[in-house]
All heavy atoms as atom14 arrays in JSON, in Angstrom:
{
  "sequence": "VMMAGSCDEAWGGEAMGFWALCFDARELWDEFEAELPGSTLRGE",
  "atom14_mask": [
    [1, 1, 1, 1, 1, 1, 1, 0, 0, 0, 0, 0, 0, 0],
    [1, 1, 1, 1, 1, 1, 1, 1, 0, 0, 0, 0, 0, 0],
    [1, 1, 1, 1, 1, 1, 1, 1, 0, 0, 0, 0, 0, 0],
    [1, 1, 1, 1, 1, 0, 0, 0, 0, 0, 0, 0, 0, 0],
    [1, 1, 1, 1, 0, 0, 0, 0, 0, 0, 0, 0, 0, 0],
    [1, 1, 1, 1, 1, 1, 0, 0, 0, 0, 0, 0, 0, 0],
    [1, 1, 1, 1, 1, 1, 0, 0, 0, 0, 0, 0, 0, 0],
    [1, 1, 1, 1, 1, 1, 1, 1, 0, 0, 0, 0, 0, 0],
    [1, 1, 1, 1, 1, 1, 1, 1, 1, 0, 0, 0, 0, 0],
    [1, 1, 1, 1, 1, 0, 0, 0, 0, 0, 0, 0, 0, 0],
    [1, 1, 1, 1, 1, 1, 1, 1, 1, 1, 1, 1, 1, 1],
    [1, 1, 1, 1, 0, 0, 0, 0, 0, 0, 0, 0, 0, 0],
    [1, 1, 1, 1, 0, 0, 0, 0, 0, 0, 0, 0, 0, 0],
    [1, 1, 1, 1, 1, 1, 1, 1, 1, 0, 0, 0, 0, 0],
    [1, 1, 1, 1, 1, 0, 0, 0, 0, 0, 0, 0, 0, 0],
    [1, 1, 1, 1, 1, 1, 1, 1, 0, 0, 0, 0, 0, 0],
    [1, 1, 1, 1, 0, 0, 0, 0, 0, 0, 0, 0, 0, 0],
    [1, 1, 1, 1, 1, 1, 1, 1, 1, 1, 1, 0, 0, 0],
    [1, 1, 1, 1, 1, 1, 1, 1, 1, 1, 1, 1, 1, 1],
    [1, 1, 1, 1, 1, 0, 0, 0, 0, 0, 0, 0, 0, 0],
    [1, 1, 1, 1, 1, 1, 1, 1, 0, 0, 0, 0, 0, 0],
    [1, 1, 1, 1, 1, 1, 0, 0, 0, 0, 0, 0, 0, 0],
    [1, 1, 1, 1, 1, 1, 1, 1, 1, 1, 1, 0, 0, 0],
    [1, 1, 1, 1, 1, 1, 1, 1, 0, 0, 0, 0, 0, 0],
    [1, 1, 1, 1, 1, 0, 0, 0, 0, 0, 0, 0, 0, 0],
    [1, 1, 1, 1, 1, 1, 1, 1, 1, 1, 1, 0, 0, 0],
    [1, 1, 1, 1, 1, 1, 1, 1, 1, 0, 0, 0, 0, 0],
    [1, 1, 1, 1, 1, 1, 1, 1, 0, 0, 0, 0, 0, 0],
    [1, 1, 1, 1, 1, 1, 1, 1, 1, 1, 1, 1, 1, 1],
    [1, 1, 1, 1, 1, 1, 1, 1, 0, 0, 0, 0, 0, 0],
    [1, 1, 1, 1, 1, 1, 1, 1, 1, 0, 0, 0, 0, 0],
    [1, 1, 1, 1, 1, 1, 1, 1, 1, 1, 1, 0, 0, 0],
    [1, 1, 1, 1, 1, 1, 1, 1, 1, 0, 0, 0, 0, 0],
    [1, 1, 1, 1, 1, 0, 0, 0, 0, 0, 0, 0, 0, 0],
    [1, 1, 1, 1, 1, 1, 1, 1, 1, 0, 0, 0, 0, 0],
    [1, 1, 1, 1, 1, 1, 1, 1, 0, 0, 0, 0, 0, 0],
    [1, 1, 1, 1, 1, 1, 1, 0, 0, 0, 0, 0, 0, 0],
    [1, 1, 1, 1, 0, 0, 0, 0, 0, 0, 0, 0, 0, 0],
    [1, 1, 1, 1, 1, 1, 0, 0, 0, 0, 0, 0, 0, 0],
    [1, 1, 1, 1, 1, 1, 1, 0, 0, 0, 0, 0, 0, 0],
    [1, 1, 1, 1, 1, 1, 1, 1, 0, 0, 0, 0, 0, 0],
    [1, 1, 1, 1, 1, 1, 1, 1, 1, 1, 1, 0, 0, 0],
    [1, 1, 1, 1, 0, 0, 0, 0, 0, 0, 0, 0, 0, 0],
    [1, 1, 1, 1, 1, 1, 1, 1, 1, 0, 0, 0, 0, 0]
  ],
  "atom14_positions": [
    [[-77.98, -195.73, 88.47], [-77.05, -195.68, 87.3], [-76.4, -197.02, 87.08], [-76.29, -197.49, 85.95], [-76.05, -194.56, 87.52], [-74.98, -194.57, 86.43], [-76.7, -193.18, 87.62], [0.0, 0.0, 0.0], [0.0, 0.0, 0.0], [0.0, 0.0, 0.0], [0.0, 0.0, 0.0], [0.0, 0.0, 0.0], [0.0, 0.0, 0.0], [0.0, 0.0, 0.0]],
    [[-75.96, -197.66, 88.18], [-75.35, -198.93, 88.07], [-76.32, -199.97, 87.52], [-75.9, -200.86, 86.74], [-74.83, -199.36, 89.46], [-73.66, -198.53, 90.0], [-73.35, -198.9, 91.77], [-72.91, -200.63, 91.65], [0.0, 0.0, 0.0], [0.0, 0.0, 0.0], [0.0, 0.0, 0.0], [0.0, 0.0, 0.0], [0.0, 0.0, 0.0], [0.0, 0.0, 0.0]],
    [[-77.58, -199.88, 87.9], [-78.56, -200.8, 87.42], [-78.7, -200.74, 85.92], [-78.88, -201.74, 85.24], [-79.94, -200.52, 88.06], [-81.1, -201.31, 87.5], [-80.87, -203.09, 87.67], [-81.26, -203.31, 89.4], [0.0, 0.0, 0.0], [0.0, 0.0, 0.0], [0.0, 0.0, 0.0], [0.0, 0.0, 0.0], [0.0, 0.0, 0.0], [0.0, 0.0, 0.0]],
    [[-78.54, -199.51, 85.33], [-78.69, -199.41, 83.88], [-77.6, -200.14, 83.11], [-77.74, -200.35, 81.9], [-78.65, -197.9, 83.5], [0.0, 0.0, 0.0], [0.0, 0.0, 0.0], [0.0, 0.0, 0.0], [0.0, 0.0, 0.0], [0.0, 0.0, 0.0], [0.0, 0.0, 0.0], [0.0, 0.0, 0.0], [0.0, 0.0, 0.0], [0.0, 0.0, 0.0]],
    [[-76.56, -200.54, 83.76], [-75.53, -201.34, 83.12], [-75.38, -202.71, 83.69], [-74.33, -203.35, 83.51], [0.0, 0.0, 0.0], [0.0, 0.0, 0.0], [0.0, 0.0, 0.0], [0.0, 0.0, 0.0], [0.0, 0.0, 0.0], [0.0, 0.0, 0.0], [0.0, 0.0, 0.0], [0.0, 0.0, 0.0], [0.0, 0.0, 0.0], [0.0, 0.0, 0.0]],
    [[-76.41, -203.23, 84.31], [-76.3, -204.54, 85.03], [-77.33, -205.54, 84.53], [-78.24, -205.97, 85.31], [-76.45, -204.26, 86.54], [-75.45, -203.42, 87.03], [0.0, 0.0, 0.0], [0.0, 0.0, 0.0], [0.0, 0.0, 0.0], [0.0, 0.0, 0.0], [0.0, 0.0, 0.0], [0.0, 0.0, 0.0], [0.0, 0.0, 0.0], [0.0, 0.0, 0.0]],
    [[-77.22, -205.93, 83.3], [-78.07, -207.02, 82.78], [-77.4, -207.55, 81.52], [-76.42, -206.95, 81.02], [-79.5, -206.47, 82.44], [-79.52, -205.11, 81.24], [0.0, 0.0, 0.0], [0.0, 0.0, 0.0], [0.0, 0.0, 0.0], [0.0, 0.0, 0.0], [0.0, 0.0, 0.0], [0.0, 0.0, 0.0], [0.0, 0.0, 0.0], [0.0, 0.0, 0.0]],
    [[-77.95, -208.62, 81.02], [-77.32, -209.3, 79.87], [-77.26, -208.39, 78.63], [-76.32, -208.42, 77.86], [-78.14, -210.57, 79.49], [-78.07, -211.65, 80.54], [-77.15, -211.54, 81.42], [-78.87, -212.56, 80.52], [0.0, 0.0, 0.0], [0.0, 0.0, 0.0], [0.0, 0.0, 0.0], [0.0, 0.0, 0.0], [0.0, 0.0, 0.0], [0.0, 0.0, 0.0]],
    [[-78.3, -207.54, 78.47], [-78.35, -206.62, 77.32], [-77.19, -205.64, 77.29], [-76.69, -205.27, 76.25], [-79.67, -205.88, 77.29], [-80.85, -206.72, 76.87], [-81.4, -207.59, 78.06], [-80.78, -207.57, 79.11], [-82.37, -208.27, 77.84], [0.0, 0.0, 0.0], [0.0, 0.0, 0.0], [0.0, 0.0, 0.0], [0.0, 0.0, 0.0], [0.0, 0.0, 0.0]],
    [[-76.75, -205.26, 78.52], [-75.6, -204.3, 78.61], [-74.27, -205.0, 78.74], [-73.2, -204.28, 78.65], [-75.83, -203.38, 79.85], [0.0, 0.0, 0.0], [0.0, 0.0, 0.0], [0.0, 0.0, 0.0], [0.0, 0.0, 0.0], [0.0, 0.0, 0.0], [0.0, 0.0, 0.0], [0.0, 0.0, 0.0], [0.0, 0.0, 0.0], [0.0, 0.0, 0.0]],
    [[-74.24, -206.28, 78.93], [-73.01, -207.02, 79.1], [-72.68, -207.86, 77.86], [-71.66, -208.59, 77.88], [-73.11, -207.96, 80.35], [-72.83, -207.17, 81.6], [-73.41, -206.0, 82.0], [-71.91, -207.59, 82.65], [-72.94, -205.67, 83.27], [-72.02, -206.59, 83.65], [-71.04, -208.64, 82.85], [-71.27, -206.64, 84.82], [-70.31, -208.72, 84.02], [-70.4, -207.73, 84.99]],
    [[-73.46, -207.8, 76.86], [-73.21, -208.59, 75.68], [-74.02, -208.09, 74.51], [-74.83, -207.16, 74.6], [0.0, 0.0, 0.0], [0.0, 0.0, 0.0], [0.0, 0.0, 0.0], [0.0, 0.0, 0.0], [0.0, 0.0, 0.0], [0.0, 0.0, 0.0], [0.0, 0.0, 0.0], [0.0, 0.0, 0.0], [0.0, 0.0, 0.0], [0.0, 0.0, 0.0]],
    [[-73.79, -208.64, 73.31], [-74.52, -208.29, 72.15], [-74.08, -206.91, 71.59], [-73.06, -206.4, 71.94], [0.0, 0.0, 0.0], [0.0, 0.0, 0.0], [0.0, 0.0, 0.0], [0.0, 0.0, 0.0], [0.0, 0.0, 0.0], [0.0, 0.0, 0.0], [0.0, 0.0, 0.0], [0.0, 0.0, 0.0], [0.0, 0.0, 0.0], [0.0, 0.0, 0.0]],
    [[-74.96, -206.38, 70.79], [-74.68, -205.1, 70.11], [-74.49, -203.95, 71.08], [-73.73, -203.01, 70.84], [-75.76, -204.79, 69.08], [-75.51, -203.59, 68.22], [-74.34, -203.84, 67.25], [-73.94, -204.98, 67.02], [-73.89, -202.85, 66.64], [0.0, 0.0, 0.0], [0.0, 0.0, 0.0], [0.0, 0.0, 0.0], [0.0, 0.0, 0.0], [0.0, 0.0, 0.0]],
    [[-75.24, -203.95, 72.2], [-75.17, -202.84, 73.16], [-74.15, -203.04, 74.28], [-74.2, -202.31, 75.22], [-76.53, -202.62, 73.76], [0.0, 0.0, 0.0], [0.0, 0.0, 0.0], [0.0, 0.0, 0.0], [0.0, 0.0, 0.0], [0.0, 0.0, 0.0], [0.0, 0.0, 0.0], [0.0, 0.0, 0.0], [0.0, 0.0, 0.0], [0.0, 0.0, 0.0]],
    [[-73.29, -203.99, 74.14], [-72.28, -204.28, 75.16], [-71.5, -203.02, 75.5], [-70.99, -202.32, 74.67], [-71.33, -205.34, 74.7], [-70.27, -205.75, 75.72], [-69.24, -207.06, 75.07], [-68.08, -207.33, 76.42], [0.0, 0.0, 0.0], [0.0, 0.0, 0.0], [0.0, 0.0, 0.0], [0.0, 0.0, 0.0], [0.0, 0.0, 0.0], [0.0, 0.0, 0.0]],
    [[-71.46, -202.69, 76.83], [-70.74, -201.5, 77.28], [-71.57, -200.27, 77.37], [-71.14, -199.27, 77.93], [0.0, 0.0, 0.0], [0.0, 0.0, 0.0], [0.0, 0.0, 0.0], [0.0, 0.0, 0.0], [0.0, 0.0, 0.0], [0.0, 0.0, 0.0], [0.0, 0.0, 0.0], [0.0, 0.0, 0.0], [0.0, 0.0, 0.0], [0.0, 0.0, 0.0]],
    [[-72.78, -200.28, 76.77], [-73.69, -199.15, 76.84], [-74.69, -199.41, 77.93], [-74.59, -200.4, 78.69], [-74.38, -198.95, 75.46], [-75.01, -197.59, 75.27], [-74.18, -196.51, 75.12], [-76.35, -197.45, 75.19], [-74.68, -195.25, 74.9], [-76.91, -196.18, 74.99], [-76.11, -195.12, 74.85], [0.0, 0.0, 0.0], [0.0, 0.0, 0.0], [0.0, 0.0, 0.0]],
    [[-75.71, -198.56, 78.08], [-76.72, -198.83, 79.07], [-77.95, -199.46, 78.47], [-78.09, -199.44, 77.25], [-77.1, -197.53, 79.8], [-77.74, -196.41, 78.93], [-77.06, -195.42, 78.31], [-79.11, -196.27, 78.64], [-77.91, -194.63, 77.65], [-79.18, -195.11, 77.82], [-80.28, -196.91, 78.94], [-80.41, -194.64, 77.32], [-81.48, -196.46, 78.44], [-81.55, -195.31, 77.66]],
    [[-78.8, -200.05, 79.31], [-80.03, -200.64, 78.81], [-81.09, -200.5, 79.88], [-80.82, -200.06, 81.03], [-79.75, -202.15, 78.56], [0.0, 0.0, 0.0], [0.0, 0.0, 0.0], [0.0, 0.0, 0.0], [0.0, 0.0, 0.0], [0.0, 0.0, 0.0], [0.0, 0.0, 0.0], [0.0, 0.0, 0.0], [0.0, 0.0, 0.0], [0.0, 0.0, 0.0]],
    [[-82.33, -200.88, 79.59], [-83.44, -200.85, 80.55], [-83.33, -202.1, 81.38], [-84.21, -203.01, 81.24], [-84.78, -200.7, 79.8], [-84.93, -199.44, 78.99], [-86.22, -199.45, 78.17], [-84.86, -198.18, 79.89], [0.0, 0.0, 0.0], [0.0, 0.0, 0.0], [0.0, 0.0, 0.0], [0.0, 0.0, 0.0], [0.0, 0.0, 0.0], [0.0, 0.0, 0.0]],
    [[-82.33, -202.18, 82.14], [-82.03, -203.43, 82.85], [-83.09, -203.81, 83.94], [-83.31, -205.0, 84.18], [-80.63, -203.37, 83.49], [-79.29, -203.33, 82.27], [0.0, 0.0, 0.0], [0.0, 0.0, 0.0], [0.0, 0.0, 0.0], [0.0, 0.0, 0.0], [0.0, 0.0, 0.0], [0.0, 0.0, 0.0], [0.0, 0.0, 0.0], [0.0, 0.0, 0.0]],
    [[-83.65, -202.87, 84.55], [-84.67, -203.15, 85.6], [-85.85, -203.95, 84.93], [-86.24, -205.0, 85.46], [-85.24, -201.83, 86.17], [-85.97, -202.03, 87.47], [-85.43, -201.87, 88.69], [-87.34, -202.42, 87.4], [-86.13, -202.03, 89.84], [-88.08, -202.58, 88.53], [-87.46, -202.37, 89.75], [0.0, 0.0, 0.0], [0.0, 0.0, 0.0], [0.0, 0.0, 0.0]],
    [[-86.3, -203.48, 83.77], [-87.33, -204.19, 83.07], [-86.83, -205.52, 82.48], [-87.53, -206.53, 82.55], [-87.93, -203.32, 81.97], [-88.73, -202.13, 82.51], [-89.31, -202.27, 83.61], [-88.74, -201.11, 81.87], [0.0, 0.0, 0.0], [0.0, 0.0, 0.0], [0.0, 0.0, 0.0], [0.0, 0.0, 0.0], [0.0, 0.0, 0.0], [0.0, 0.0, 0.0]],
    [[-85.62, -205.48, 81.91], [-85.11, -206.68, 81.27], [-84.95, -207.82, 82.31], [-85.16, -208.99, 81.94], [-83.76, -206.36, 80.65], [0.0, 0.0, 0.0], [0.0, 0.0, 0.0], [0.0, 0.0, 0.0], [0.0, 0.0, 0.0], [0.0, 0.0, 0.0], [0.0, 0.0, 0.0], [0.0, 0.0, 0.0], [0.0, 0.0, 0.0], [0.0, 0.0, 0.0]],
    [[-84.65, -207.52, 83.51], [-84.46, -208.51, 84.57], [-85.79, -208.8, 85.3], [-85.79, -209.64, 86.23], [-83.36, -208.07, 85.52], [-82.01, -208.06, 84.9], [-80.95, -207.41, 85.81], [-80.82, -208.09, 87.1], [-80.03, -207.66, 88.09], [-79.35, -206.53, 87.94], [-79.97, -208.33, 89.21], [0.0, 0.0, 0.0], [0.0, 0.0, 0.0], [0.0, 0.0, 0.0]],
    [[-86.85, -208.17, 84.92], [-88.16, -208.36, 85.55], [-88.1, -208.3, 87.05], [-88.47, -209.25, 87.74], [-88.69, -209.69, 85.05], [-88.9, -209.77, 83.53], [-89.47, -211.14, 83.06], [-89.42, -212.1, 83.87], [-89.93, -211.19, 81.89], [0.0, 0.0, 0.0], [0.0, 0.0, 0.0], [0.0, 0.0, 0.0], [0.0, 0.0, 0.0], [0.0, 0.0, 0.0]],
    [[-87.65, -207.17, 87.55], [-87.47, -206.99, 88.96], [-88.65, -206.37, 89.67], [-88.6, -206.04, 90.85], [-86.23, -206.12, 89.22], [-84.86, -206.75, 88.87], [-83.75, -205.74, 88.98], [-84.59, -207.94, 89.78], [0.0, 0.0, 0.0], [0.0, 0.0, 0.0], [0.0, 0.0, 0.0], [0.0, 0.0, 0.0], [0.0, 0.0, 0.0], [0.0, 0.0, 0.0]],
    [[-89.78, -206.19, 88.95], [-90.92, -205.49, 89.59], [-91.48, -206.29, 90.75], [-91.87, -205.69, 91.76], [-91.99, -205.25, 88.51], [-91.6, -204.18, 87.59], [-91.23, -204.34, 86.27], [-91.51, -202.76, 87.86], [-90.91, -203.1, 85.73], [-91.06, -202.16, 86.66], [-91.73, -201.99, 89.02], [-90.87, -200.76, 86.59], [-91.51, -200.62, 88.95], [-91.11, -200.02, 87.74]],
    [[-91.52, -207.59, 90.69], [-92.03, -208.37, 91.8], [-91.16, -208.22, 93.03], [-91.66, -208.07, 94.16], [-92.15, -209.84, 91.43], [-93.27, -210.1, 90.41], [-94.13, -209.24, 90.28], [-93.26, -211.16, 89.78], [0.0, 0.0, 0.0], [0.0, 0.0, 0.0], [0.0, 0.0, 0.0], [0.0, 0.0, 0.0], [0.0, 0.0, 0.0], [0.0, 0.0, 0.0]],
    [[-89.85, -208.33, 92.83], [-88.92, -208.12, 93.93], [-89.04, -206.71, 94.53], [-88.96, -206.51, 95.73], [-87.47, -208.39, 93.49], [-87.14, -209.82, 93.19], [-87.54, -210.24, 91.72], [-88.22, -209.44, 91.07], [-87.11, -211.34, 91.32], [0.0, 0.0, 0.0], [0.0, 0.0, 0.0], [0.0, 0.0, 0.0], [0.0, 0.0, 0.0], [0.0, 0.0, 0.0]],
    [[-89.2, -205.74, 93.62], [-89.36, -204.32, 94.09], [-90.61, -204.19, 94.97], [-90.6, -203.57, 96.01], [-89.45, -203.43, 92.83], [-89.35, -201.96, 93.14], [-88.14, -201.49, 93.71], [-90.32, -201.1, 92.81], [-88.02, -200.14, 93.96], [-90.21, -199.73, 93.03], [-89.06, -199.25, 93.64], [0.0, 0.0, 0.0], [0.0, 0.0, 0.0], [0.0, 0.0, 0.0]],
    [[-91.73, -204.77, 94.5], [-92.93, -204.69, 95.28], [-92.83, -205.45, 96.63], [-93.37, -204.97, 97.64], [-94.1, -205.27, 94.46], [-95.43, -205.34, 95.21], [-95.99, -204.01, 95.57], [-95.66, -202.98, 94.94], [-96.85, -203.97, 96.51], [0.0, 0.0, 0.0], [0.0, 0.0, 0.0], [0.0, 0.0, 0.0], [0.0, 0.0, 0.0], [0.0, 0.0, 0.0]],
    [[-92.08, -206.55, 96.59], [-91.95, -207.35, 97.85], [-91.17, -206.57, 98.92], [-91.51, -206.61, 100.08], [-91.26, -208.67, 97.55], [0.0, 0.0, 0.0], [0.0, 0.0, 0.0], [0.0, 0.0, 0.0], [0.0, 0.0, 0.0], [0.0, 0.0, 0.0], [0.0, 0.0, 0.0], [0.0, 0.0, 0.0], [0.0, 0.0, 0.0], [0.0, 0.0, 0.0]],
    [[-90.11, -205.84, 98.45], [-89.31, -205.07, 99.4], [-89.91, -203.71, 99.72], [-89.71, -203.22, 100.86], [-87.88, -204.9, 98.81], [-87.1, -206.14, 98.78], [-85.58, -205.92, 98.64], [-85.11, -204.8, 99.06], [-84.87, -206.79, 98.13], [0.0, 0.0, 0.0], [0.0, 0.0, 0.0], [0.0, 0.0, 0.0], [0.0, 0.0, 0.0], [0.0, 0.0, 0.0]],
    [[-90.65, -203.15, 98.79], [-91.26, -201.81, 98.96], [-92.76, -201.95, 98.66], [-93.16, -201.56, 97.57], [-90.57, -200.76, 98.1], [-89.03, -200.61, 98.24], [-88.5, -199.62, 97.27], [-88.69, -200.19, 99.65], [0.0, 0.0, 0.0], [0.0, 0.0, 0.0], [0.0, 0.0, 0.0], [0.0, 0.0, 0.0], [0.0, 0.0, 0.0], [0.0, 0.0, 0.0]],
    [[-93.52, -202.5, 99.57], [-94.94, -202.73, 99.27], [-95.68, -201.48, 98.86], [-95.56, -200.44, 99.48], [-95.48, -203.28, 100.63], [-94.25, -203.82, 101.34], [-93.13, -202.92, 100.93], [0.0, 0.0, 0.0], [0.0, 0.0, 0.0], [0.0, 0.0, 0.0], [0.0, 0.0, 0.0], [0.0, 0.0, 0.0], [0.0, 0.0, 0.0], [0.0, 0.0, 0.0]],
    [[-96.49, -201.65, 97.85], [-97.3, -200.54, 97.33], [-96.64, -199.63, 96.31], [-97.24, -198.77, 95.77], [0.0, 0.0, 0.0], [0.0, 0.0, 0.0], [0.0, 0.0, 0.0], [0.0, 0.0, 0.0], [0.0, 0.0, 0.0], [0.0, 0.0, 0.0], [0.0, 0.0, 0.0], [0.0, 0.0, 0.0], [0.0, 0.0, 0.0], [0.0, 0.0, 0.0]],
    [[-95.36, -199.9, 96.11], [-94.56, -199.03, 95.17], [-94.93, -199.19, 93.72], [-94.69, -198.34, 92.9], [-93.08, -199.29, 95.36], [-92.74, -200.67, 95.15], [0.0, 0.0, 0.0], [0.0, 0.0, 0.0], [0.0, 0.0, 0.0], [0.0, 0.0, 0.0], [0.0, 0.0, 0.0], [0.0, 0.0, 0.0], [0.0, 0.0, 0.0], [0.0, 0.0, 0.0]],
    [[-95.52, -200.35, 93.38], [-95.83, -200.61, 91.94], [-97.3, -200.34, 91.65], [-97.78, -200.52, 90.52], [-95.52, -202.08, 91.56], [-96.31, -202.93, 92.36], [-94.05, -202.35, 91.85], [0.0, 0.0, 0.0], [0.0, 0.0, 0.0], [0.0, 0.0, 0.0], [0.0, 0.0, 0.0], [0.0, 0.0, 0.0], [0.0, 0.0, 0.0], [0.0, 0.0, 0.0]],
    [[-98.08, -199.95, 92.67], [-99.51, -199.63, 92.42], [-99.62, -198.34, 91.63], [-98.66, -197.58, 91.53], [-100.26, -199.48, 93.8], [-100.24, -200.73, 94.64], [-100.95, -200.45, 95.97], [-100.92, -201.9, 93.95], [0.0, 0.0, 0.0], [0.0, 0.0, 0.0], [0.0, 0.0, 0.0], [0.0, 0.0, 0.0], [0.0, 0.0, 0.0], [0.0, 0.0, 0.0]],
    [[-100.79, -198.1, 91.07], [-101.05, -196.93, 90.3], [-102.01, -195.99, 90.96], [-102.77, -196.4, 91.82], [-101.55, -197.3, 88.91], [-100.56, -198.11, 88.06], [-101.12, -198.36, 86.68], [-100.17, -199.13, 85.89], [-99.14, -198.66, 85.18], [-98.91, -197.32, 85.23], [-98.36, -199.42, 84.5], [0.0, 0.0, 0.0], [0.0, 0.0, 0.0], [0.0, 0.0, 0.0]],
    [[-101.9, -194.7, 90.55], [-102.85, -193.73, 91.12], [-102.53, -193.33, 92.55], [-101.39, -193.48, 93.01], [0.0, 0.0, 0.0], [0.0, 0.0, 0.0], [0.0, 0.0, 0.0], [0.0, 0.0, 0.0], [0.0, 0.0, 0.0], [0.0, 0.0, 0.0], [0.0, 0.0, 0.0], [0.0, 0.0, 0.0], [0.0, 0.0, 0.0], [0.0, 0.0, 0.0]],
    [[-103.55, -192.88, 93.25], [-103.32, -192.39, 94.59], [-102.97, -193.46, 95.58], [-102.4, -193.17, 96.65], [-104.63, -191.66, 95.09], [-104.94, -190.41, 94.28], [-106.16, -189.7, 94.84], [-106.74, -190.23, 95.82], [-106.53, -188.64, 94.29], [0.0, 0.0, 0.0], [0.0, 0.0, 0.0], [0.0, 0.0, 0.0], [0.0, 0.0, 0.0], [0.0, 0.0, 0.0]]
  ]
}
């Protein structure tokens, strides 16, 4: 929940104070995969 309000899109501009897709906006998928290996793979 905190992540949804923790990026530039949620801290400024028209959506300031609302939530945003901050995980994607901050491009955290590489960091996510590095800390949790295999979490971004698809399928089985």
